[in-house]
Protein backbone atom coordinates (compact mmCIF):
# COMPACT_ATOMS: atom_id res chain seq x y z
CA MET A 1 17.31 -92.23 -99.53
CA THR A 2 15.88 -95.44 -98.14
CA LEU A 3 18.06 -98.49 -98.42
CA SER A 4 16.36 -101.78 -99.15
CA LEU A 5 18.90 -104.40 -98.30
CA PRO A 6 17.32 -107.78 -97.49
CA ILE A 7 17.71 -107.24 -93.74
CA ASP A 8 15.55 -106.12 -90.83
CA ALA A 9 13.50 -103.00 -91.65
CA ASP A 10 14.82 -101.18 -88.56
CA ALA A 11 18.40 -101.95 -89.61
CA ASN A 12 17.67 -100.55 -93.09
CA THR A 13 16.17 -97.43 -91.55
CA LEU A 14 19.27 -96.88 -89.44
CA LEU A 15 21.55 -97.36 -92.46
CA SER A 16 19.41 -94.91 -94.44
CA THR A 17 19.41 -92.22 -91.78
CA ASP A 18 22.79 -92.55 -90.08
CA PRO A 19 25.91 -92.20 -92.27
CA LEU A 20 28.10 -93.69 -89.53
CA ALA A 21 25.95 -96.84 -89.41
CA LEU A 22 26.32 -97.20 -93.19
CA LEU A 23 30.09 -96.77 -92.93
CA ILE A 24 30.35 -99.27 -90.07
CA GLY A 25 28.35 -101.76 -92.14
CA MET A 26 30.87 -101.35 -94.93
CA VAL A 27 33.78 -101.76 -92.52
CA LEU A 28 32.28 -105.04 -91.30
CA ASP A 29 31.50 -106.30 -94.81
CA GLN A 30 34.29 -108.83 -95.14
CA GLN A 31 34.44 -112.55 -94.46
CA ILE A 32 30.81 -112.62 -93.29
CA PRO A 33 27.47 -112.49 -95.14
CA LEU A 34 26.58 -108.93 -96.08
CA GLU A 35 23.25 -109.23 -94.26
CA LYS A 36 25.18 -109.78 -91.04
CA ALA A 37 27.63 -106.95 -91.77
CA PHE A 38 24.94 -104.38 -92.51
CA SER A 39 22.65 -105.52 -89.67
CA SER A 40 25.43 -105.24 -87.09
CA PRO A 41 25.33 -101.42 -86.76
CA TYR A 42 21.70 -101.75 -85.64
CA VAL A 43 22.60 -104.54 -83.19
CA LEU A 44 25.47 -102.37 -81.88
CA SER A 45 22.99 -99.53 -81.30
CA GLN A 46 20.67 -101.87 -79.44
CA ARG A 47 23.50 -103.11 -77.23
CA LEU A 48 24.58 -99.55 -76.42
CA GLY A 49 21.00 -98.39 -75.88
CA HIS A 50 21.42 -95.56 -78.44
CA VAL A 51 22.89 -94.80 -81.84
CA PRO A 52 26.59 -94.17 -81.25
CA THR A 53 28.61 -91.28 -82.61
CA ALA A 54 32.07 -91.51 -84.12
CA VAL A 55 33.43 -89.52 -81.18
CA GLU A 56 31.90 -91.97 -78.71
CA LEU A 57 33.28 -95.02 -80.51
CA ALA A 58 36.69 -93.40 -81.01
CA GLU A 59 36.96 -92.78 -77.26
CA PHE A 60 35.41 -96.08 -76.16
CA ASP A 61 37.49 -98.32 -73.93
CA PRO A 62 38.89 -100.85 -76.44
CA ASP A 63 38.32 -103.89 -74.20
CA SER A 64 34.73 -102.84 -73.51
CA LEU A 65 34.08 -102.35 -77.22
CA ILE A 66 35.52 -105.79 -77.96
CA ALA A 67 33.20 -107.27 -75.31
CA ILE A 68 30.20 -105.60 -76.98
CA PHE A 69 31.27 -106.93 -80.40
CA ALA A 70 31.91 -110.42 -79.01
CA LYS A 71 28.66 -110.79 -77.04
CA PRO A 72 26.67 -113.65 -78.61
CA PRO A 73 25.71 -113.46 -81.30
CA ALA A 74 28.97 -111.70 -82.17
CA LEU A 75 28.73 -108.70 -84.48
CA HIS A 76 31.43 -110.20 -86.69
CA ARG A 77 33.29 -113.45 -87.14
CA PHE A 78 36.40 -111.65 -85.82
CA PRO A 79 34.97 -109.42 -83.07
CA LYS A 80 38.29 -108.27 -81.60
CA ALA A 81 39.82 -107.27 -84.93
CA MET A 82 36.66 -105.62 -86.22
CA ALA A 83 35.94 -103.71 -83.01
CA GLY A 84 39.46 -102.33 -83.39
CA ARG A 85 38.91 -101.51 -87.06
CA VAL A 86 35.63 -99.70 -86.35
CA GLN A 87 37.39 -97.73 -83.63
CA GLU A 88 40.26 -96.83 -86.01
CA VAL A 89 37.79 -95.62 -88.65
CA CYS A 90 35.93 -93.56 -86.04
CA ARG A 91 39.22 -92.03 -84.88
CA ALA A 92 40.00 -91.08 -88.49
CA LEU A 93 36.54 -89.48 -88.77
CA VAL A 94 37.19 -87.49 -85.60
CA GLU A 95 40.63 -86.41 -86.75
CA HIS A 96 39.78 -85.49 -90.35
CA TYR A 97 36.00 -85.02 -90.61
CA ASP A 98 34.86 -83.44 -87.33
CA GLY A 99 33.52 -86.82 -86.19
CA ASP A 100 30.80 -86.83 -88.84
CA ALA A 101 30.78 -89.68 -91.36
CA ALA A 102 28.74 -87.54 -93.79
CA ASN A 103 31.64 -85.11 -93.95
CA LEU A 104 33.60 -87.87 -95.67
CA TRP A 105 31.58 -87.14 -98.81
CA ALA A 106 30.30 -83.62 -98.14
CA GLY A 107 31.68 -81.02 -100.50
CA VAL A 108 33.81 -83.36 -102.59
CA ALA A 109 34.77 -81.86 -105.93
CA ASP A 110 34.35 -85.09 -107.85
CA GLY A 111 34.31 -88.87 -107.70
CA ALA A 112 38.10 -89.10 -107.69
CA GLU A 113 38.26 -87.00 -104.52
CA LEU A 114 35.51 -89.08 -102.93
CA LEU A 115 37.38 -92.30 -103.73
CA LYS A 116 40.60 -90.82 -102.32
CA ARG A 117 38.85 -89.86 -99.08
CA VAL A 118 37.24 -93.27 -98.65
CA ALA A 119 40.50 -95.06 -99.50
CA SER A 120 42.28 -93.09 -96.76
CA LEU A 121 40.22 -94.86 -94.09
CA PRO A 122 41.81 -97.76 -92.19
CA GLY A 123 41.01 -101.07 -93.86
CA PHE A 124 39.65 -99.55 -97.07
CA GLY A 125 41.62 -100.89 -100.00
CA LYS A 126 40.83 -100.10 -103.63
CA GLN A 127 37.98 -102.61 -104.04
CA LYS A 128 36.22 -101.80 -100.76
CA SER A 129 36.58 -98.08 -101.50
CA GLN A 130 35.11 -98.45 -104.97
CA ILE A 131 32.22 -100.51 -103.62
CA PHE A 132 31.48 -97.87 -100.99
CA VAL A 133 31.57 -95.07 -103.60
CA ALA A 134 29.13 -97.14 -105.70
CA LEU A 135 26.90 -97.72 -102.66
CA LEU A 136 26.88 -94.00 -101.89
CA GLY A 137 26.02 -93.15 -105.49
CA LYS A 138 23.52 -95.86 -106.28
CA GLN A 139 21.61 -95.98 -103.01
CA TYR A 140 22.51 -92.96 -100.89
CA GLY A 141 22.23 -90.17 -103.46
CA VAL A 142 25.88 -89.09 -103.22
CA GLU A 143 26.65 -88.44 -106.88
CA PRO A 144 29.54 -86.03 -107.45
CA ALA A 145 30.72 -85.71 -111.05
CA GLY A 146 32.64 -88.81 -112.07
CA TRP A 147 31.49 -91.01 -109.20
CA ARG A 148 30.65 -93.94 -111.50
CA GLU A 149 34.13 -93.82 -113.05
CA ALA A 150 35.72 -93.62 -109.59
CA ALA A 151 33.70 -96.66 -108.51
CA GLY A 152 35.03 -98.65 -111.48
CA ALA A 153 32.89 -101.60 -112.58
CA TYR A 154 30.92 -101.32 -109.33
CA GLY A 155 29.48 -98.04 -110.59
CA ASP A 156 28.16 -99.49 -113.84
CA VAL A 157 24.44 -99.13 -114.45
CA GLY A 158 22.66 -102.47 -114.28
CA SER A 159 25.57 -104.32 -112.74
CA PHE A 160 25.08 -106.81 -109.94
CA LYS A 161 28.54 -106.96 -108.42
CA SER A 162 28.27 -105.70 -104.85
CA VAL A 163 26.10 -104.49 -102.00
CA ALA A 164 25.66 -101.27 -103.99
CA ASP A 165 23.35 -103.18 -106.35
CA ILE A 166 21.20 -104.99 -103.80
CA VAL A 167 17.66 -103.74 -103.38
CA ASP A 168 15.75 -107.00 -102.91
CA ASP A 169 16.12 -110.78 -102.79
CA GLU A 170 16.37 -111.06 -106.59
CA SER A 171 19.27 -108.60 -106.84
CA LEU A 172 20.92 -110.29 -103.85
CA GLY A 173 20.79 -113.57 -105.76
CA LYS A 174 22.39 -111.95 -108.82
CA VAL A 175 25.20 -110.46 -106.71
CA ARG A 176 25.81 -113.82 -105.03
CA ALA A 177 25.92 -115.54 -108.43
CA TYR A 178 28.46 -112.98 -109.67
CA LYS A 179 30.66 -113.45 -106.59
CA LYS A 180 30.49 -117.24 -106.96
CA GLU A 181 31.50 -116.90 -110.62
CA MET A 182 34.46 -114.67 -109.66
CA LYS A 183 35.63 -117.14 -106.99
CA ALA A 184 35.46 -120.00 -109.48
CA ALA A 185 37.42 -117.99 -112.05
CA ALA A 186 40.07 -117.13 -109.46
CA LYS A 187 40.50 -120.81 -108.56
CA GLY A 188 40.63 -121.89 -112.22
């Protein structure tokens, strides 16, 4: 699959070819624009001089990883917290999935199991887990039976509710409009 998020082509290529990069993008996708979140795995790779593995990031010196995340421009608005979160997720991958992010979804029996696996990761609540299941299904070709149901409304065909639905500037605009509408409804 080739992702087409409205970000740098090299960043899209990395997200399309490296499951860990895609997962890190999802980890970072909070309290910053999604373009920044999903571009940051590519920037991290540039700063390291190679595409990192989960094992490498799990074993990285925490202070050094924070410094890499904090180097201007920072990879996230909260570089210390998010460097720690990425490291926690990588440690979970090492402990439960042989250090391979693709093993998170490999061999799942159905969408419910996929959602359960994703939700077991540090920092992945129900909504983030459902969005990631939708992203895997809609743009990454990971479609176990029942994945749309497991993803909830984010799995709906023709919806524009999350990063799972973004393929160009037009769909990005629709997702932003939906999020703005939801924020207004929550305030009202």
